[in-house]
Amino acid sequence: MPSEAAENDVRLRRMLPGELKPARWPDGFAMRTFQAADAVALYDLLELVFDDGMNGPFGQWWSRLSADTEFDPELCFLVLDGEGRLAGAALCWTSGFLKDLAVHPDCRGKGIAEALLWHVFATFAARGASQIDLKTNLVDNAAAVRLYVRLGMVEVDWGG
């Protein structure tokens, strides 16, 4: 579930299934699900992209994440480049909430975030979910908001 809302934070939702397009991974990139050996790389990507210090040290972050009842490694999608480096990730909760979507700054503009979103939508639709939600900031994350809206997400009340 989302943490408390800050100024300009919004909750966005996409109803499922709706029109679903296949995820198109950029040339040289491939997606797979999370494995425990990926924890450090995922943590490093989240720290780099979000740069907010909210995760705390790796050990604390991993303990919280791995013990969370909503964490399912099969719902954490990683995009790797041709050399096996983590280029992007979508970490979802079992409740149908996209907790984190992150693309490495060196890999932006290639369609990784859009492909991850289409994959997330299709995965949750296949599980029978009626919606997928996320929290974002209209000001600090304006480019991502434009992508979310283009892919059919709309603002909803915080209460659901």
C-alpha atoms as a PDB file:
ATOM      1  CA  MET A   1       0.000   0.000   0.000  1.00  0.00           C
ATOM      2  CA  PRO A   2       1.189   3.538  -0.604  1.00  0.00           C
ATOM      3  CA  SER A   3       2.881   5.537   2.103  1.00  0.00           C
ATOM      4  CA  GLU A   4       1.519   8.904   3.174  1.00  0.00           C
ATOM      5  CA  ALA A   5       0.910  11.431   0.434  1.00  0.00           C
ATOM      6  CA  ALA A   6       3.195  14.439   0.113  1.00  0.00           C
ATOM      7  CA  GLU A   7       2.346  17.699  -1.604  1.00  0.00           C
ATOM      8  CA  ASN A   8       1.496  17.078  -5.294  1.00  0.00           C
ATOM      9  CA  ASP A   9       1.278  13.301  -4.793  1.00  0.00           C
ATOM     10  CA  VAL A  10      -1.542  11.546  -6.621  1.00  0.00           C
ATOM     11  CA  ARG A  11      -2.894   8.029  -6.828  1.00  0.00           C
ATOM     12  CA  LEU A  12      -3.328   6.805 -10.395  1.00  0.00           C
ATOM     13  CA  ARG A  13      -5.312   3.777 -11.515  1.00  0.00           C
ATOM     14  CA  ARG A  14      -5.696   1.734 -14.665  1.00  0.00           C
ATOM     15  CA  MET A  15      -8.744  -0.439 -14.951  1.00  0.00           C
ATOM     16  CA  LEU A  16      -8.082  -3.951 -16.204  1.00  0.00           C
ATOM     17  CA  PRO A  17      -8.118  -5.575 -18.554  1.00  0.00           C
ATOM     18  CA  GLY A  18      -8.995  -2.741 -20.943  1.00  0.00           C
ATOM     19  CA  GLU A  19      -6.979  -2.587 -24.136  1.00  0.00           C
ATOM     20  CA  LEU A  20      -3.693  -4.365 -23.491  1.00  0.00           C
ATOM     21  CA  LYS A  21      -0.725  -4.058 -25.787  1.00  0.00           C
ATOM     22  CA  PRO A  22       2.139  -6.540 -25.720  1.00  0.00           C
ATOM     23  CA  ALA A  23       5.276  -5.389 -23.928  1.00  0.00           C
ATOM     24  CA  ARG A  24       7.940  -4.529 -26.496  1.00  0.00           C
ATOM     25  CA  TRP A  25      11.395  -4.746 -25.008  1.00  0.00           C
ATOM     26  CA  PRO A  26      14.005  -2.554 -26.697  1.00  0.00           C
ATOM     27  CA  ASP A  27      16.674  -4.337 -28.731  1.00  0.00           C
ATOM     28  CA  GLY A  28      19.365  -5.688 -26.456  1.00  0.00           C
ATOM     29  CA  PHE A  29      17.139  -5.749 -23.357  1.00  0.00           C
ATOM     30  CA  ALA A  30      15.242  -8.645 -21.784  1.00  0.00           C
ATOM     31  CA  MET A  31      12.843  -8.978 -18.861  1.00  0.00           C
ATOM     32  CA  ARG A  32      12.765 -11.619 -16.138  1.00  0.00           C
ATOM     33  CA  THR A  33      11.441 -11.892 -12.620  1.00  0.00           C
ATOM     34  CA  PHE A  34      13.384 -11.180  -9.443  1.00  0.00           C
ATOM     35  CA  GLN A  35      15.699 -13.665  -7.763  1.00  0.00           C
ATOM     36  CA  ALA A  36      17.227 -13.169  -4.317  1.00  0.00           C
ATOM     37  CA  ALA A  37      20.658 -12.627  -5.905  1.00  0.00           C
ATOM     38  CA  ASP A  38      19.194  -9.489  -7.548  1.00  0.00           C
ATOM     39  CA  ALA A  39      18.490  -7.746  -4.244  1.00  0.00           C
ATOM     40  CA  VAL A  40      21.622  -5.570  -4.175  1.00  0.00           C
ATOM     41  CA  ALA A  41      21.230  -4.486  -7.808  1.00  0.00           C
ATOM     42  CA  LEU A  42      17.554  -3.641  -7.245  1.00  0.00           C
ATOM     43  CA  TYR A  43      18.360  -1.693  -4.095  1.00  0.00           C
ATOM     44  CA  ASP A  44      21.123   0.224  -5.910  1.00  0.00           C
ATOM     45  CA  LEU A  45      18.776   1.092  -8.793  1.00  0.00           C
ATOM     46  CA  LEU A  46      16.053   2.322  -6.441  1.00  0.00           C
ATOM     47  CA  GLU A  47      18.556   4.382  -4.467  1.00  0.00           C
ATOM     48  CA  LEU A  48      19.923   5.942  -7.662  1.00  0.00           C
ATOM     49  CA  VAL A  49      16.558   6.708  -9.237  1.00  0.00           C
ATOM     50  CA  PHE A  50      14.621   7.888  -6.202  1.00  0.00           C
ATOM     51  CA  ASP A  51      17.517   9.445  -4.256  1.00  0.00           C
ATOM     52  CA  ASP A  52      15.250  10.123  -1.285  1.00  0.00           C
ATOM     53  CA  GLY A  53      16.942   8.102   1.458  1.00  0.00           C
ATOM     54  CA  MET A  54      13.639   6.412   2.295  1.00  0.00           C
ATOM     55  CA  ASN A  55      15.006   2.881   1.896  1.00  0.00           C
ATOM     56  CA  GLY A  56      17.621   3.120   4.617  1.00  0.00           C
ATOM     57  CA  PRO A  57      20.638   0.807   4.565  1.00  0.00           C
ATOM     58  CA  PHE A  58      20.457  -2.257   2.323  1.00  0.00           C
ATOM     59  CA  GLY A  59      20.019  -4.742   5.174  1.00  0.00           C
ATOM     60  CA  GLN A  60      17.040  -2.901   6.620  1.00  0.00           C
ATOM     61  CA  TRP A  61      15.465  -2.437   3.184  1.00  0.00           C
ATOM     62  CA  TRP A  62      15.873  -6.090   2.243  1.00  0.00           C
ATOM     63  CA  SER A  63      14.556  -7.312   5.605  1.00  0.00           C
ATOM     64  CA  ARG A  64      11.445  -5.140   5.241  1.00  0.00           C
ATOM     65  CA  LEU A  65      10.861  -6.057   1.601  1.00  0.00           C
ATOM     66  CA  SER A  66      11.434  -9.794   1.865  1.00  0.00           C
ATOM     67  CA  ALA A  67       9.243 -10.065   4.987  1.00  0.00           C
ATOM     68  CA  ASP A  68       6.382  -7.986   3.580  1.00  0.00           C
ATOM     69  CA  THR A  69       3.286 -10.127   3.021  1.00  0.00           C
ATOM     70  CA  GLU A  70       2.599  -8.276  -0.246  1.00  0.00           C
ATOM     71  CA  PHE A  71       6.026  -9.034  -1.721  1.00  0.00           C
ATOM     72  CA  ASP A  72       6.086 -11.766  -4.347  1.00  0.00           C
ATOM     73  CA  PRO A  73       9.315 -12.181  -6.359  1.00  0.00           C
ATOM     74  CA  GLU A  74       7.146 -13.197  -9.337  1.00  0.00           C
ATOM     75  CA  LEU A  75       5.685  -9.664  -9.294  1.00  0.00           C
ATOM     76  CA  CYS A  76       9.053  -7.932  -9.397  1.00  0.00           C
ATOM     77  CA  PHE A  77      10.027  -7.514 -13.036  1.00  0.00           C
ATOM     78  CA  LEU A  78      13.621  -6.712 -13.963  1.00  0.00           C
ATOM     79  CA  VAL A  79      14.897  -5.487 -17.319  1.00  0.00           C
ATOM     80  CA  LEU A  80      18.516  -6.333 -18.053  1.00  0.00           C
ATOM     81  CA  ASP A  81      20.778  -5.061 -20.791  1.00  0.00           C
ATOM     82  CA  GLY A  82      22.850  -7.354 -23.000  1.00  0.00           C
ATOM     83  CA  GLU A  83      25.623  -7.461 -20.403  1.00  0.00           C
ATOM     84  CA  GLY A  84      23.299  -8.439 -17.560  1.00  0.00           C
ATOM     85  CA  ARG A  85      23.154  -5.002 -15.914  1.00  0.00           C
ATOM     86  CA  LEU A  86      19.880  -3.913 -14.362  1.00  0.00           C
ATOM     87  CA  ALA A  87      18.333  -1.265 -16.612  1.00  0.00           C
ATOM     88  CA  GLY A  88      14.868  -1.050 -15.083  1.00  0.00           C
ATOM     89  CA  ALA A  89      12.478  -2.618 -12.605  1.00  0.00           C
ATOM     90  CA  ALA A  90       8.819  -2.719 -11.673  1.00  0.00           C
ATOM     91  CA  LEU A  91       8.158  -3.885  -8.115  1.00  0.00           C
ATOM     92  CA  CYS A  92       4.491  -4.677  -7.512  1.00  0.00           C
ATOM     93  CA  TRP A  93       2.548  -5.649  -4.436  1.00  0.00           C
ATOM     94  CA  THR A  94       0.172  -8.611  -4.565  1.00  0.00           C
ATOM     95  CA  SER A  95      -2.737  -6.208  -3.933  1.00  0.00           C
ATOM     96  CA  GLY A  96      -2.362  -4.709  -7.400  1.00  0.00           C
ATOM     97  CA  PHE A  97      -0.215  -1.764  -6.434  1.00  0.00           C
ATOM     98  CA  LEU A  98       2.861  -0.766  -8.452  1.00  0.00           C
ATOM     99  CA  LYS A  99       5.193   0.140  -5.594  1.00  0.00           C
ATOM    100  CA  ASP A 100       8.251   1.172  -7.601  1.00  0.00           C
ATOM    101  CA  LEU A 101       8.952   1.736 -11.286  1.00  0.00           C
ATOM    102  CA  ALA A 102      12.551   2.694 -11.965  1.00  0.00           C
ATOM    103  CA  VAL A 103      14.696   3.001 -15.079  1.00  0.00           C
ATOM    104  CA  HIS A 104      18.434   3.632 -14.860  1.00  0.00           C
ATOM    105  CA  PRO A 105      19.203   7.168 -16.119  1.00  0.00           C
ATOM    106  CA  ASP A 106      21.559   5.769 -18.791  1.00  0.00           C
ATOM    107  CA  CYS A 107      18.716   3.652 -20.202  1.00  0.00           C
ATOM    108  CA  ARG A 108      15.894   6.188 -20.323  1.00  0.00           C
ATOM    109  CA  GLY A 109      14.155   7.099 -23.554  1.00  0.00           C
ATOM    110  CA  LYS A 110      14.299   3.550 -24.943  1.00  0.00           C
ATOM    111  CA  GLY A 111      10.772   2.436 -24.003  1.00  0.00           C
ATOM    112  CA  ILE A 112      11.709   0.366 -20.963  1.00  0.00           C
ATOM    113  CA  ALA A 113       9.194   2.007 -18.614  1.00  0.00           C
ATOM    114  CA  GLU A 114       6.379   1.650 -21.138  1.00  0.00           C
ATOM    115  CA  ALA A 115       7.202  -2.018 -21.757  1.00  0.00           C
ATOM    116  CA  LEU A 116       7.308  -2.661 -18.004  1.00  0.00           C
ATOM    117  CA  LEU A 117       3.918  -1.023 -17.569  1.00  0.00           C
ATOM    118  CA  TRP A 118       2.319  -3.092 -20.341  1.00  0.00           C
ATOM    119  CA  HIS A 119       3.814  -6.200 -18.751  1.00  0.00           C
ATOM    120  CA  VAL A 120       2.479  -5.241 -15.312  1.00  0.00           C
ATOM    121  CA  PHE A 121      -0.997  -4.548 -16.729  1.00  0.00           C
ATOM    122  CA  ALA A 122      -1.074  -7.897 -18.565  1.00  0.00           C
ATOM    123  CA  THR A 123       0.220  -9.815 -15.544  1.00  0.00           C
ATOM    124  CA  PHE A 124      -2.411  -8.436 -13.195  1.00  0.00           C
ATOM    125  CA  ALA A 125      -5.172  -8.809 -15.790  1.00  0.00           C
ATOM    126  CA  ALA A 126      -4.187 -12.483 -16.173  1.00  0.00           C
ATOM    127  CA  ARG A 127      -4.458 -12.834 -12.389  1.00  0.00           C
ATOM    128  CA  GLY A 128      -8.002 -11.507 -12.542  1.00  0.00           C
ATOM    129  CA  ALA A 129      -7.268  -8.104 -11.013  1.00  0.00           C
ATOM    130  CA  SER A 130      -9.729  -5.355 -11.870  1.00  0.00           C
ATOM    131  CA  GLN A 131      -7.184  -2.543 -11.526  1.00  0.00           C
ATOM    132  CA  ILE A 132      -3.592  -1.544 -10.891  1.00  0.00           C
ATOM    133  CA  ASP A 133      -2.705   1.558  -8.851  1.00  0.00           C
ATOM    134  CA  LEU A 134       0.411   3.580  -8.161  1.00  0.00           C
ATOM    135  CA  LYS A 135       1.434   6.705  -6.303  1.00  0.00           C
ATOM    136  CA  THR A 136       3.440   9.420  -7.996  1.00  0.00           C
ATOM    137  CA  ASN A 137       4.180  13.121  -7.786  1.00  0.00           C
ATOM    138  CA  LEU A 138       2.735  15.458 -10.396  1.00  0.00           C
ATOM    139  CA  VAL A 139       5.639  17.912 -10.164  1.00  0.00           C
ATOM    140  CA  ASP A 140       8.707  15.818  -9.366  1.00  0.00           C
ATOM    141  CA  ASN A 141       7.718  13.023 -11.749  1.00  0.00           C
ATOM    142  CA  ALA A 142       5.942  14.928 -14.541  1.00  0.00           C
ATOM    143  CA  ALA A 143       7.452  12.893 -17.405  1.00  0.00           C
ATOM    144  CA  ALA A 144       6.321   9.635 -15.819  1.00  0.00           C
ATOM    145  CA  VAL A 145       2.848  11.066 -15.197  1.00  0.00           C
ATOM    146  CA  ARG A 146       2.541  11.826 -18.920  1.00  0.00           C
ATOM    147  CA  LEU A 147       3.427   8.179 -19.688  1.00  0.00           C
ATOM    148  CA  TYR A 148       0.968   6.841 -17.121  1.00  0.00           C
ATOM    149  CA  VAL A 149      -1.857   8.966 -18.501  1.00  0.00           C
ATOM    150  CA  ARG A 150      -1.011   8.007 -22.089  1.00  0.00           C
ATOM    151  CA  LEU A 151      -1.313   4.340 -21.076  1.00  0.00           C
ATOM    152  CA  GLY A 152      -4.763   4.863 -19.598  1.00  0.00           C
ATOM    153  CA  MET A 153      -4.160   5.679 -15.949  1.00  0.00           C
ATOM    154  CA  VAL A 154      -6.428   8.222 -14.265  1.00  0.00           C
ATOM    155  CA  GLU A 155      -6.304   9.998 -10.914  1.00  0.00           C
ATOM    156  CA  VAL A 156      -8.462   8.510  -8.173  1.00  0.00           C
ATOM    157  CA  ASP A 157      -9.174   9.377  -4.542  1.00  0.00           C
ATOM    158  CA  TRP A 158      -6.610   8.201  -1.992  1.00  0.00           C
ATOM    159  CA  GLY A 159      -9.213   6.064  -0.297  1.00  0.00           C
ATOM    160  CA  GLY A 160      -9.511   3.895  -3.359  1.00  0.00           C
END
